[in-house]
PDB file of N, CA and C in Angstrom:
ATOM      1  N   MET A   1     126.893 135.490  89.850  1.00  0.00           N
ATOM      2  CA  MET A   1     127.796 135.144  88.784  1.00  0.00           C
ATOM      3  C   MET A   1     128.224 133.690  88.907  1.00  0.00           C
ATOM      4  N   ASP A   2     128.354 133.220  90.141  1.00  0.00           N
ATOM      5  CA  ASP A   2     128.799 131.854  90.388  1.00  0.00           C
ATOM      6  C   ASP A   2     127.777 130.841  89.879  1.00  0.00           C
ATOM      7  N   SER A   3     126.482 131.150  90.020  1.00  0.00           N
ATOM      8  CA  SER A   3     125.451 130.230  89.552  1.00  0.00           C
ATOM      9  C   SER A   3     125.471 130.118  88.031  1.00  0.00           C
ATOM     10  N   ASN A   4     125.802 131.215  87.317  1.00  0.00           N
ATOM     11  CA  ASN A   4     125.924 131.168  85.862  1.00  0.00           C
ATOM     12  C   ASN A   4     127.089 130.285  85.445  1.00  0.00           C
ATOM     13  N   ASN A   5     128.179 130.390  86.177  1.00  0.00           N
ATOM     14  CA  ASN A   5     129.359 129.575  85.922  1.00  0.00           C
ATOM     15  C   ASN A   5     129.039 128.102  86.141  1.00  0.00           C
ATOM     16  N   ASN A   6     128.324 127.822  87.228  1.00  0.00           N
ATOM     17  CA  ASN A   6     127.947 126.455  87.561  1.00  0.00           C
ATOM     18  C   ASN A   6     127.008 125.883  86.503  1.00  0.00           C
ATOM     19  N   LEU A   7     126.060 126.682  86.043  1.00  0.00           N
ATOM     20  CA  LEU A   7     125.117 126.252  85.015  1.00  0.00           C
ATOM     21  C   LEU A   7     125.856 125.939  83.727  1.00  0.00           C
ATOM     22  N   THR A   8     126.818 126.780  83.358  1.00  0.00           N
ATOM     23  CA  THR A   8     127.615 126.554  82.149  1.00  0.00           C
ATOM     24  C   THR A   8     128.388 125.248  82.258  1.00  0.00           C
ATOM     25  N   GLU A   9     128.954 124.987  83.413  1.00  0.00           N
ATOM     26  CA  GLU A   9     129.706 123.750  83.618  1.00  0.00           C
ATOM     27  C   GLU A   9     128.797 122.522  83.513  1.00  0.00           C
ATOM     28  N   VAL A  10     127.608 122.615  84.071  1.00  0.00           N
ATOM     29  CA  VAL A  10     126.661 121.501  84.014  1.00  0.00           C
ATOM     30  C   VAL A  10     126.243 121.243  82.570  1.00  0.00           C
ATOM     31  N   LEU A  11     125.935 122.308  81.841  1.00  0.00           N
ATOM     32  CA  LEU A  11     125.551 122.161  80.441  1.00  0.00           C
ATOM     33  C   LEU A  11     126.686 121.589  79.600  1.00  0.00           C
ATOM     34  N   GLN A  12     127.898 122.065  79.848  1.00  0.00           N
ATOM     35  CA  GLN A  12     129.061 121.562  79.114  1.00  0.00           C
ATOM     36  C   GLN A  12     129.299 120.085  79.428  1.00  0.00           C
ATOM     37  N   HIS A  13     129.156 119.724  80.681  1.00  0.00           N
ATOM     38  CA  HIS A  13     129.321 118.325  81.081  1.00  0.00           C
ATOM     39  C   HIS A  13     128.246 117.451  80.435  1.00  0.00           C
ATOM     40  N   SER A  14     127.021 117.925  80.419  1.00  0.00           N
ATOM     41  CA  SER A  14     125.924 117.176  79.804  1.00  0.00           C
ATOM     42  C   SER A  14     126.171 116.972  78.316  1.00  0.00           C
ATOM     43  N   LEU A  15     126.665 117.992  77.637  1.00  0.00           N
ATOM     44  CA  LEU A  15     126.980 117.893  76.224  1.00  0.00           C
ATOM     45  C   LEU A  15     128.070 116.858  75.990  1.00  0.00           C
ATOM     46  N   ARG A  16     129.094 116.871  76.825  1.00  0.00           N
ATOM     47  CA  ARG A  16     130.184 115.897  76.681  1.00  0.00           C
ATOM     48  C   ARG A  16     129.688 114.470  76.924  1.00  0.00           C
ATOM     49  N   VAL A  17     128.781 114.307  77.882  1.00  0.00           N
ATOM     50  CA  VAL A  17     128.206 112.985  78.139  1.00  0.00           C
ATOM     51  C   VAL A  17     127.437 112.515  76.914  1.00  0.00           C
ATOM     52  N   ALA A  18     126.650 113.386  76.323  1.00  0.00           N
ATOM     53  CA  ALA A  18     125.865 113.022  75.142  1.00  0.00           C
ATOM     54  C   ALA A  18     126.768 112.675  73.967  1.00  0.00           C
ATOM     55  N   ILE A  19     127.818 113.460  73.745  1.00  0.00           N
ATOM     56  CA  ILE A  19     128.756 113.183  72.648  1.00  0.00           C
ATOM     57  C   ILE A  19     129.479 111.862  72.897  1.00  0.00           C
ATOM     58  N   GLY A  20     129.890 111.631  74.130  1.00  0.00           N
ATOM     59  CA  GLY A  20     130.557 110.365  74.466  1.00  0.00           C
ATOM     60  C   GLY A  20     129.643 109.175  74.255  1.00  0.00           C
ATOM     61  N   ALA A  21     128.401 109.305  74.652  1.00  0.00           N
ATOM     62  CA  ALA A  21     127.437 108.212  74.476  1.00  0.00           C
ATOM     63  C   ALA A  21     127.211 107.937  72.995  1.00  0.00           C
ATOM     64  N   ALA A  22     127.101 109.004  72.209  1.00  0.00           N
ATOM     65  CA  ALA A  22     126.918 108.829  70.766  1.00  0.00           C
ATOM     66  C   ALA A  22     128.132 108.159  70.149  1.00  0.00           C
ATOM     67  N   SER A  23     129.316 108.536  70.589  1.00  0.00           N
ATOM     68  CA  SER A  23     130.551 107.942  70.078  1.00  0.00           C
ATOM     69  C   SER A  23     130.619 106.457  70.394  1.00  0.00           C
ATOM     70  N   VAL A  24     130.290 106.090  71.623  1.00  0.00           N
ATOM     71  CA  VAL A  24     130.284 104.677  72.017  1.00  0.00           C
ATOM     72  C   VAL A  24     129.248 103.910  71.207  1.00  0.00           C
ATOM     73  N   LEU A  25     128.103 104.503  70.981  1.00  0.00           N
ATOM     74  CA  LEU A  25     127.050 103.855  70.205  1.00  0.00           C
ATOM     75  C   LEU A  25     127.523 103.580  68.773  1.00  0.00           C
ATOM     76  N   VAL A  26     128.157 104.577  68.148  1.00  0.00           N
ATOM     77  CA  VAL A  26     128.648 104.400  66.782  1.00  0.00           C
ATOM     78  C   VAL A  26     129.716 103.310  66.739  1.00  0.00           C
ATOM     79  N   GLU A  27     130.659 103.352  67.679  1.00  0.00           N
ATOM     80  CA  GLU A  27     131.709 102.325  67.730  1.00  0.00           C
ATOM     81  C   GLU A  27     131.105 100.942  67.935  1.00  0.00           C
ATOM     82  N   THR A  28     130.118 100.854  68.794  1.00  0.00           N
ATOM     83  CA  THR A  28     129.479  99.575  69.095  1.00  0.00           C
ATOM     84  C   THR A  28     128.755  99.032  67.876  1.00  0.00           C
ATOM     85  N   LEU A  29     128.059  99.889  67.159  1.00  0.00           N
ATOM     86  CA  LEU A  29     127.320  99.445  65.984  1.00  0.00           C
ATOM     87  C   LEU A  29     128.242  99.046  64.838  1.00  0.00           C
ATOM     88  N   GLN A  30     129.414  99.679  64.732  1.00  0.00           N
ATOM     89  CA  GLN A  30     130.339  99.388  63.641  1.00  0.00           C
ATOM     90  C   GLN A  30     131.127  98.106  63.877  1.00  0.00           C
ATOM     91  N   ASP A  31     131.396  97.767  65.116  1.00  0.00           N
ATOM     92  CA  ASP A  31     132.217  96.592  65.424  1.00  0.00           C
ATOM     93  C   ASP A  31     131.324  95.480  65.956  1.00  0.00           C
ATOM     94  N   PRO A  32     131.103  94.398  65.174  1.00  0.00           N
ATOM     95  CA  PRO A  32     130.210  93.320  65.607  1.00  0.00           C
ATOM     96  C   PRO A  32     130.637  92.673  66.930  1.00  0.00           C
ATOM     97  N   GLN A  33     131.941  92.517  67.132  1.00  0.00           N
ATOM     98  CA  GLN A  33     132.412  91.895  68.375  1.00  0.00           C
ATOM     99  C   GLN A  33     132.118  92.795  69.567  1.00  0.00           C
ATOM    100  N   LYS A  34     132.382  94.074  69.403  1.00  0.00           N
ATOM    101  CA  LYS A  34     132.112  95.020  70.492  1.00  0.00           C
ATOM    102  C   LYS A  34     130.609  95.133  70.737  1.00  0.00           C
ATOM    103  N   ARG A  35     129.820  95.095  69.659  1.00  0.00           N
ATOM    104  CA  ARG A  35     128.374  95.162  69.794  1.00  0.00           C
ATOM    105  C   ARG A  35     127.867  93.975  70.612  1.00  0.00           C
ATOM    106  N   HIS A  36     128.360  92.783  70.268  1.00  0.00           N
ATOM    107  CA  HIS A  36     127.960  91.578  70.991  1.00  0.00           C
ATOM    108  C   HIS A  36     128.356  91.675  72.474  1.00  0.00           C
ATOM    109  N   GLN A  37     129.567  92.145  72.711  1.00  0.00           N
ATOM    110  CA  GLN A  37     130.063  92.287  74.086  1.00  0.00           C
ATOM    111  C   GLN A  37     129.231  93.312  74.863  1.00  0.00           C
ATOM    112  N   THR A  38     128.914  94.427  74.230  1.00  0.00           N
ATOM    113  CA  THR A  38     128.144  95.475  74.901  1.00  0.00           C
ATOM    114  C   THR A  38     126.735  94.992  75.230  1.00  0.00           C
ATOM    115  N   PHE A  39     126.108  94.295  74.275  1.00  0.00           N
ATOM    116  CA  PHE A  39     124.752  93.791  74.526  1.00  0.00           C
ATOM    117  C   PHE A  39     124.749  92.726  75.628  1.00  0.00           C
ATOM    118  N   GLU A  40     125.806  91.904  75.675  1.00  0.00           N
ATOM    119  CA  GLU A  40     125.898  90.916  76.765  1.00  0.00           C
ATOM    120  C   GLU A  40     126.027  91.609  78.109  1.00  0.00           C
ATOM    121  N   GLN A  41     126.842  92.665  78.153  1.00  0.00           N
ATOM    122  CA  GLN A  41     126.993  93.422  79.398  1.00  0.00           C
ATOM    123  C   GLN A  41     125.664  94.051  79.811  1.00  0.00           C
ATOM    124  N   LEU A  42     124.974  94.648  78.846  1.00  0.00           N
ATOM    125  CA  LEU A  42     123.690  95.279  79.165  1.00  0.00           C
ATOM    126  C   LEU A  42     122.678  94.248  79.642  1.00  0.00           C
ATOM    127  N   GLN A  43     122.672  93.089  78.987  1.00  0.00           N
ATOM    128  CA  GLN A  43     121.737  92.041  79.377  1.00  0.00           C
ATOM    129  C   GLN A  43     122.058  91.533  80.776  1.00  0.00           C
ATOM    130  N   SER A  44     123.330  91.361  81.064  1.00  0.00           N
ATOM    131  CA  SER A  44     123.743  90.906  82.392  1.00  0.00           C
ATOM    132  C   SER A  44     123.369  91.940  83.454  1.00  0.00           C
ATOM    133  N   GLN A  45     123.636  93.205  83.150  1.00  0.00           N
ATOM    134  CA  GLN A  45     123.292  94.264  84.098  1.00  0.00           C
ATOM    135  C   GLN A  45     121.787  94.345  84.297  1.00  0.00           C
ATOM    136  N   PHE A  46     121.044  94.170  83.198  1.00  0.00           N
ATOM    137  CA  PHE A  46     119.592  94.206  83.292  1.00  0.00           C
ATOM    138  C   PHE A  46     119.085  93.075  84.169  1.00  0.00           C
ATOM    139  N   LYS A  47     119.602  91.869  83.945  1.00  0.00           N
ATOM    140  CA  LYS A  47     119.171  90.720  84.748  1.00  0.00           C
ATOM    141  C   LYS A  47     119.503  90.943  86.220  1.00  0.00           C
ATOM    142  N   GLN A  48     120.692  91.461  86.487  1.00  0.00           N
ATOM    143  CA  GLN A  48     121.102  91.716  87.868  1.00  0.00           C
ATOM    144  C   GLN A  48     120.191  92.770  88.504  1.00  0.00           C
ATOM    145  N   LYS A  49     119.913  93.837  87.783  1.00  0.00           N
ATOM    146  CA  LYS A  49     119.057  94.897  88.308  1.00  0.00           C
ATOM    147  C   LYS A  49     117.633  94.388  88.514  1.00  0.00           C
ATOM    148  N   ALA A  50     117.159  93.573  87.561  1.00  0.00           N
ATOM    149  CA  ALA A  50     115.816  93.013  87.688  1.00  0.00           C
ATOM    150  C   ALA A  50     115.726  92.119  88.924  1.00  0.00           C
ATOM    151  N   GLU A  51     116.764  91.353  89.184  1.00  0.00           N
ATOM    152  CA  GLU A  51     116.765  90.485  90.369  1.00  0.00           C
ATOM    153  C   GLU A  51     116.785  91.315  91.654  1.00  0.00           C
ATOM    154  N   GLU A  52     117.563  92.377  91.666  1.00  0.00           N
ATOM    155  CA  GLU A  52     117.586  93.271  92.826  1.00  0.00           C
ATOM    156  C   GLU A  52     116.201  93.879  93.068  1.00  0.00           C
ATOM    157  N   LEU A  53     115.575  94.324  91.989  1.00  0.00           N
ATOM    158  CA  LEU A  53     114.250  94.934  92.118  1.00  0.00           C
ATOM    159  C   LEU A  53     113.215  93.905  92.565  1.00  0.00           C
ATOM    160  N   ALA A  54     113.329  92.673  92.083  1.00  0.00           N
ATOM    161  CA  ALA A  54     112.394  91.624  92.491  1.00  0.00           C
ATOM    162  C   ALA A  54     112.545  91.331  93.983  1.00  0.00           C
ATOM    163  N   GLN A  55     113.785  91.282  94.463  1.00  0.00           N
ATOM    164  CA  GLN A  55     114.012  91.052  95.892  1.00  0.00           C
ATOM    165  C   GLN A  55     113.456  92.206  96.715  1.00  0.00           C
ATOM    166  N   LYS A  56     113.691  93.422  96.249  1.00  0.00           N
ATOM    167  CA  LYS A  56     113.162  94.602  96.948  1.00  0.00           C
ATOM    168  C   LYS A  56     111.633  94.569  96.951  1.00  0.00           C
ATOM    169  N   GLY A  57     111.045  94.175  95.823  1.00  0.00           N
ATOM    170  CA  GLY A  57     109.597  94.072  95.735  1.00  0.00           C
ATOM    171  C   GLY A  57     109.046  93.022  96.681  1.00  0.00           C
ATOM    172  N   GLU A  58     109.764  91.913  96.807  1.00  0.00           N
ATOM    173  CA  GLU A  58     109.325  90.844  97.716  1.00  0.00           C
ATOM    174  C   GLU A  58     109.324  91.333  99.160  1.00  0.00           C
ATOM    175  N   VAL A  59     110.377  92.036  99.541  1.00  0.00           N
ATOM    176  CA  VAL A  59     110.467  92.568 100.903  1.00  0.00           C
ATOM    177  C   VAL A  59     109.352  93.588 101.141  1.00  0.00           C
ATOM    178  N   THR A  60     109.136  94.465 100.169  1.00  0.00           N
ATOM    179  CA  THR A  60     108.099  95.485 100.295  1.00  0.00           C
ATOM    180  C   THR A  60     106.718  94.851 100.377  1.00  0.00           C
ATOM    181  N   GLU A  61     106.489  93.813  99.572  1.00  0.00           N
ATOM    182  CA  GLU A  61     105.203  93.117  99.608  1.00  0.00           C
ATOM    183  C   GLU A  61     104.970  92.487 100.978  1.00  0.00           C
ATOM    184  N   ARG A  62     105.991  91.864 101.515  1.00  0.00           N
ATOM    185  CA  ARG A  62     105.884  91.236 102.837  1.00  0.00           C
ATOM    186  C   ARG A  62     105.564  92.281 103.903  1.00  0.00           C
ATOM    187  N   GLU A  63     106.270  93.413 103.841  1.00  0.00           N
ATOM    188  CA  GLU A  63     106.025  94.479 104.813  1.00  0.00           C
ATOM    189  C   GLU A  63     104.608  95.037 104.678  1.00  0.00           C
ATOM    190  N   ALA A  64     104.154  95.191 103.442  1.00  0.00           N
ATOM    191  CA  ALA A  64     102.801  95.718 103.208  1.00  0.00           C
ATOM    192  C   ALA A  64     101.753  94.751 103.732  1.00  0.00           C
ATOM    193  N   ARG A  65     101.968  93.459 103.518  1.00  0.00           N
ATOM    194  CA  ARG A  65     101.026  92.460 104.032  1.00  0.00           C
ATOM    195  C   ARG A  65     100.966  92.497 105.563  1.00  0.00           C
ATOM    196  N   GLN A  66     102.139  92.614 106.191  1.00  0.00           N
ATOM    197  CA  GLN A  66     102.170  92.678 107.650  1.00  0.00           C
ATOM    198  C   GLN A  66     101.420  93.909 108.147  1.00  0.00           C
ATOM    199  N   LYS A  67     101.631  95.032 107.479  1.00  0.00           N
ATOM    200  CA  LYS A  67     100.972  96.266 107.887  1.00  0.00           C
ATOM    201  C   LYS A  67      99.460  96.142 107.701  1.00  0.00           C
ATOM    202  N   ALA A  68      99.052  95.556 106.572  1.00  0.00           N
ATOM    203  CA  ALA A  68      97.621  95.388 106.317  1.00  0.00           C
ATOM    204  C   ALA A  68      96.994  94.455 107.353  1.00  0.00           C
ATOM    205  N   GLU A  69      97.704  93.390 107.720  1.00  0.00           N
ATOM    206  CA  GLU A  69      97.190  92.471 108.740  1.00  0.00           C
ATOM    207  C   GLU A  69      97.088  93.164 110.094  1.00  0.00           C
ATOM    208  N   GLU A  70      98.068  94.010 110.409  1.00  0.00           N
ATOM    209  CA  GLU A  70      98.012  94.763 111.668  1.00  0.00           C
ATOM    210  C   GLU A  70      96.785  95.668 111.683  1.00  0.00           C
ATOM    211  N   TRP A  71      96.547  96.386 110.585  1.00  0.00           N
ATOM    212  CA  TRP A  71      95.396  97.279 110.499  1.00  0.00           C
ATOM    213  C   TRP A  71      94.098  96.492 110.600  1.00  0.00           C
ATOM    214  N   LEU A  72      94.047  95.351 109.917  1.00  0.00           N
ATOM    215  CA  LEU A  72      92.847  94.527 109.948  1.00  0.00           C
ATOM    216  C   LEU A  72      92.584  94.009 111.357  1.00  0.00           C
ATOM    217  N   ASN A  73      93.625  93.522 112.008  1.00  0.00           N
ATOM    218  CA  ASN A  73      93.469  93.032 113.387  1.00  0.00           C
ATOM    219  C   ASN A  73      93.041  94.149 114.323  1.00  0.00           C
ATOM    220  N   GLN A  74      93.629  95.323 114.130  1.00  0.00           N
ATOM    221  CA  GLN A  74      93.259  96.467 114.972  1.00  0.00           C
ATOM    222  C   GLN A  74      91.802  96.855 114.720  1.00  0.00           C
ATOM    223  N   TYR A  75      91.392  96.861 113.455  1.00  0.00           N
ATOM    224  CA  TYR A  75      90.018  97.198 113.104  1.00  0.00           C
ATOM    225  C   TYR A  75      89.045  96.177 113.689  1.00  0.00           C
ATOM    226  N   GLN A  76      89.381  94.896 113.571  1.00  0.00           N
ATOM    227  CA  GLN A  76      88.510  93.850 114.092  1.00  0.00           C
ATOM    228  C   GLN A  76      88.418  93.916 115.606  1.00  0.00           C
ATOM    229  N   SER A  77      89.528  94.188 116.260  1.00  0.00           N
ATOM    230  CA  SER A  77      89.485  94.253 117.719  1.00  0.00           C
ATOM    231  C   SER A  77      88.654  95.452 118.187  1.00  0.00           C
ATOM    232  N   THR A  78      88.708  96.564 117.443  1.00  0.00           N
ATOM    233  CA  THR A  78      87.881  97.713 117.820  1.00  0.00           C
ATOM    234  C   THR A  78      86.417  97.424 117.554  1.00  0.00           C
ATOM    235  N   ASN A  79      86.120  96.736 116.473  1.00  0.00           N
ATOM    236  CA  ASN A  79      84.727  96.411 116.171  1.00  0.00           C
ATOM    237  C   ASN A  79      84.159  95.427 117.190  1.00  0.00           C
ATOM    238  N   TYR A  80      84.950  94.439 117.602  1.00  0.00           N
ATOM    239  CA  TYR A  80      84.458  93.475 118.572  1.00  0.00           C
ATOM    240  C   TYR A  80      84.182  94.142 119.911  1.00  0.00           C
ATOM    241  N   SER A  81      85.059  95.058 120.303  1.00  0.00           N
ATOM    242  CA  SER A  81      84.845  95.720 121.595  1.00  0.00           C
ATOM    243  C   SER A  81      83.639  96.644 121.531  1.00  0.00           C
ATOM    244  N   SER A  82      83.423  97.297 120.384  1.00  0.00           N
ATOM    245  CA  SER A  82      82.267  98.193 120.309  1.00  0.00           C
ATOM    246  C   SER A  82      80.982  97.420 120.038  1.00  0.00           C
ATOM    247  N   SER A  83      81.103  96.231 119.416  1.00  0.00           N
ATOM    248  CA  SER A  83      79.887  95.465 119.116  1.00  0.00           C
ATOM    249  C   SER A  83      79.321  94.797 120.364  1.00  0.00           C
ATOM    250  N   SER A  84      80.142  94.656 121.396  1.00  0.00           N
ATOM    251  CA  SER A  84      79.618  94.054 122.617  1.00  0.00           C
ATOM    252  C   SER A  84      78.611  94.975 123.298  1.00  0.00           C
ATOM    253  N   SER A  85      78.754  96.294 123.062  1.00  0.00           N
ATOM    254  CA  SER A  85      77.804  97.228 123.658  1.00  0.00           C
ATOM    255  C   SER A  85      76.709  97.605 122.673  1.00  0.00           C
ATOM    256  N   TYR A  86      76.667  96.957 121.530  1.00  0.00           N
ATOM    257  CA  TYR A  86      75.672  97.261 120.498  1.00  0.00           C
ATOM    258  C   TYR A  86      74.314  96.715 120.894  1.00  0.00           C
ATOM    259  N   SER A  87      73.317  97.548 120.798  1.00  0.00           N
ATOM    260  CA  SER A  87      71.954  97.079 121.042  1.00  0.00           C
ATOM    261  C   SER A  87      71.093  97.536 119.886  1.00  0.00           C
ATOM    262  N   PRO A  88      70.494  96.607 119.170  1.00  0.00           N
ATOM    263  CA  PRO A  88      69.693  96.988 118.008  1.00  0.00           C
ATOM    264  C   PRO A  88      68.485  97.810 118.418  1.00  0.00           C
ATOM    265  N   THR A  89      68.165  98.783 117.599  1.00  0.00           N
ATOM    266  CA  THR A  89      67.009  99.625 117.866  1.00  0.00           C
ATOM    267  C   THR A  89      65.940  99.325 116.826  1.00  0.00           C
ATOM    268  N   THR A  90      64.720  99.594 117.193  1.00  0.00           N
ATOM    269  CA  THR A  90      63.630  99.360 116.260  1.00  0.00           C
ATOM    270  C   THR A  90      63.526 100.554 115.333  1.00  0.00           C
ATOM    271  N   PRO A  91      63.131 100.337 114.090  1.00  0.00           N
ATOM    272  CA  PRO A  91      63.021 101.460 113.159  1.00  0.00           C
ATOM    273  C   PRO A  91      61.999 102.469 113.651  1.00  0.00           C
ATOM    274  N   THR A  92      62.298 103.743 113.394  1.00  0.00           N
ATOM    275  CA  THR A  92      61.402 104.795 113.867  1.00  0.00           C
ATOM    276  C   THR A  92      60.227 104.998 112.933  1.00  0.00           C
ATOM    277  N   THR A  93      60.382 104.630 111.653  1.00  0.00           N
ATOM    278  CA  THR A  93      59.257 104.778 110.731  1.00  0.00           C
ATOM    279  C   THR A  93      58.345 103.574 110.841  1.00  0.00           C
ATOM    280  N   SER A  94      57.104 103.861 110.864  1.00  0.00           N
ATOM    281  CA  SER A  94      56.152 102.764 110.956  1.00  0.00           C
ATOM    282  C   SER A  94      55.869 102.219 109.563  1.00  0.00           C
ATOM    283  N   THR A  95      55.310 101.043 109.543  1.00  0.00           N
ATOM    284  CA  THR A  95      54.979 100.399 108.276  1.00  0.00           C
ATOM    285  C   THR A  95      53.916 101.185 107.526  1.00  0.00           C
ATOM    286  N   ASN A  96      52.962 101.763 108.254  1.00  0.00           N
ATOM    287  CA  ASN A  96      51.896 102.533 107.610  1.00  0.00           C
ATOM    288  C   ASN A  96      52.442 103.753 106.869  1.00  0.00           C
ATOM    289  N   SER A  97      53.380 104.480 107.504  1.00  0.00           N
ATOM    290  CA  SER A  97      53.908 105.671 106.833  1.00  0.00           C
ATOM    291  C   SER A  97      54.766 105.274 105.628  1.00  0.00           C
ATOM    292  N   THR A  98      55.455 104.149 105.729  1.00  0.00           N
ATOM    293  CA  THR A  98      56.248 103.677 104.592  1.00  0.00           C
ATOM    294  C   THR A  98      55.333 103.307 103.433  1.00  0.00           C
ATOM    295  N   ASN A  99      54.257 102.606 103.735  1.00  0.00           N
ATOM    296  CA  ASN A  99      53.287 102.253 102.689  1.00  0.00           C
ATOM    297  C   ASN A  99      52.668 103.500 102.075  1.00  0.00           C
ATOM    298  N   GLY A 100      52.398 104.500 102.893  1.00  0.00           N
ATOM    299  CA  GLY A 100      51.843 105.757 102.397  1.00  0.00           C
ATOM    300  C   GLY A 100      52.815 106.464 101.463  1.00  0.00           C
ATOM    301  N   GLU A 101      54.093 106.492 101.834  1.00  0.00           N
ATOM    302  CA  GLU A 101      55.096 107.113 100.977  1.00  0.00           C
ATOM    303  C   GLU A 101      55.227 106.354  99.670  1.00  0.00           C
ATOM    304  N   LEU A 102      55.194 105.041  99.747  1.00  0.00           N
ATOM    305  CA  LEU A 102      55.267 104.211  98.550  1.00  0.00           C
ATOM    306  C   LEU A 102      54.079 104.486  97.624  1.00  0.00           C
ATOM    307  N   GLN A 103      52.910 104.583  98.186  1.00  0.00           N
ATOM    308  CA  GLN A 103      51.700 104.874  97.404  1.00  0.00           C
ATOM    309  C   GLN A 103      51.817 106.241  96.739  1.00  0.00           C
ATOM    310  N   ASN A 104      52.301 107.224  97.484  1.00  0.00           N
ATOM    311  CA  ASN A 104      52.474 108.574  96.964  1.00  0.00           C
ATOM    312  C   ASN A 104      53.456 108.581  95.785  1.00  0.00           C
ATOM    313  N   LEU A 105      54.582 107.893  95.935  1.00  0.00           N
ATOM    314  CA  LEU A 105      55.575 107.829  94.865  1.00  0.00           C
ATOM    315  C   LEU A 105      55.023 107.111  93.631  1.00  0.00           C
ATOM    316  N   THR A 106      54.221 106.071  93.850  1.00  0.00           N
ATOM    317  CA  THR A 106      53.605 105.349  92.732  1.00  0.00           C
ATOM    318  C   THR A 106      52.666 106.261  91.963  1.00  0.00           C
ATOM    319  N   GLU A 107      51.885 107.065  92.668  1.00  0.00           N
ATOM    320  CA  GLU A 107      50.968 107.993  92.017  1.00  0.00           C
ATOM    321  C   GLU A 107      51.730 109.043  91.213  1.00  0.00           C
ATOM    322  N   GLN A 108      52.830 109.539  91.778  1.00  0.00           N
ATOM    323  CA  GLN A 108      53.651 110.527  91.069  1.00  0.00           C
ATOM    324  C   GLN A 108      54.234 109.920  89.798  1.00  0.00           C
ATOM    325  N   LEU A 109      54.661 108.668  89.886  1.00  0.00           N
ATOM    326  CA  LEU A 109      55.207 107.976  88.739  1.00  0.00           C
ATOM    327  C   LEU A 109      54.163 107.828  87.632  1.00  0.00           C
ATOM    328  N   ILE A 110      52.944 107.476  88.010  1.00  0.00           N
ATOM    329  CA  ILE A 110      51.852 107.342  87.034  1.00  0.00           C
ATOM    330  C   ILE A 110      51.585 108.683  86.364  1.00  0.00           C
ATOM    331  N   GLU A 111      51.556 109.761  87.147  1.00  0.00           N
ATOM    332  CA  GLU A 111      51.325 111.091  86.594  1.00  0.00           C
ATOM    333  C   GLU A 111      52.428 111.478  85.607  1.00  0.00           C
ATOM    334  N   LEU A 112      53.676 111.172  85.961  1.00  0.00           N
ATOM    335  CA  LEU A 112      54.801 111.500  85.084  1.00  0.00           C
ATOM    336  C   LEU A 112      54.742 110.709  83.785  1.00  0.00           C
ATOM    337  N   ARG A 113      54.364 109.446  83.872  1.00  0.00           N
ATOM    338  CA  ARG A 113      54.243 108.626  82.667  1.00  0.00           C
ATOM    339  C   ARG A 113      53.155 109.177  81.744  1.00  0.00           C
ATOM    340  N   THR A 114      52.030 109.555  82.334  1.00  0.00           N
ATOM    341  CA  THR A 114      50.932 110.108  81.557  1.00  0.00           C
ATOM    342  C   THR A 114      51.370 111.401  80.875  1.00  0.00           C
ATOM    343  N   GLU A 115      52.034 112.241  81.613  1.00  0.00           N
ATOM    344  CA  GLU A 115      52.521 113.507  81.055  1.00  0.00           C
ATOM    345  C   GLU A 115      53.523 113.253  79.930  1.00  0.00           C
ATOM    346  N   LEU A 116      54.406 112.291  80.108  1.00  0.00           N
ATOM    347  CA  LEU A 116      55.390 111.943  79.082  1.00  0.00           C
ATOM    348  C   LEU A 116      54.710 111.436  77.821  1.00  0.00           C
ATOM    349  N   GLU A 117      53.697 110.596  77.972  1.00  0.00           N
ATOM    350  CA  GLU A 117      52.938 110.080  76.824  1.00  0.00           C
ATOM    351  C   GLU A 117      52.253 111.220  76.082  1.00  0.00           C
ATOM    352  N   ASN A 118      51.668 112.166  76.820  1.00  0.00           N
ATOM    353  CA  ASN A 118      51.008 113.316  76.205  1.00  0.00           C
ATOM    354  C   ASN A 118      52.015 114.181  75.434  1.00  0.00           C
ATOM    355  N   LEU A 119      53.202 114.347  75.982  1.00  0.00           N
ATOM    356  CA  LEU A 119      54.217 115.148  75.293  1.00  0.00           C
ATOM    357  C   LEU A 119      54.705 114.452  74.024  1.00  0.00           C
ATOM    358  N   ARG A 120      54.783 113.144  74.063  1.00  0.00           N
ATOM    359  CA  ARG A 120      55.214 112.401  72.878  1.00  0.00           C
ATOM    360  C   ARG A 120      54.177 112.498  71.759  1.00  0.00           C
ATOM    361  N   LYS A 121      52.905 112.513  72.127  1.00  0.00           N
ATOM    362  CA  LYS A 121      51.820 112.576  71.126  1.00  0.00           C
ATOM    363  C   LYS A 121      51.768 113.935  70.462  1.00  0.00           C
ATOM    364  N   SER A 122      52.100 114.995  71.201  1.00  0.00           N
ATOM    365  CA  SER A 122      51.946 116.330  70.642  1.00  0.00           C
ATOM    366  C   SER A 122      53.158 116.810  69.890  1.00  0.00           C
TER     367      SER A 122
END
């Protein structure tokens, strides 16, 4: 029962907020001086909030760059340590078998082209 009561209070409060906002909007639109004052306040608040967000973004960007540099340095240091023990190996496929596979694929391609031409004619 308490949750129903709480929900009713929240809904009633939300309705009052909406009615109050609408009332302020109507008053602001009807009175040119109040409208000008309200828009100046909103613009000032917007500029202040934008500046706060820009500062926060700058700090976050700096932190992200530092983290990325740390990861990059860590990655490079691991690669350098593992590359010192790197020994290149010779390919296991010989040139003859590669040429044979290439020849086989070329023949298959020719057969497919011929078949495609025959299908187009019929």
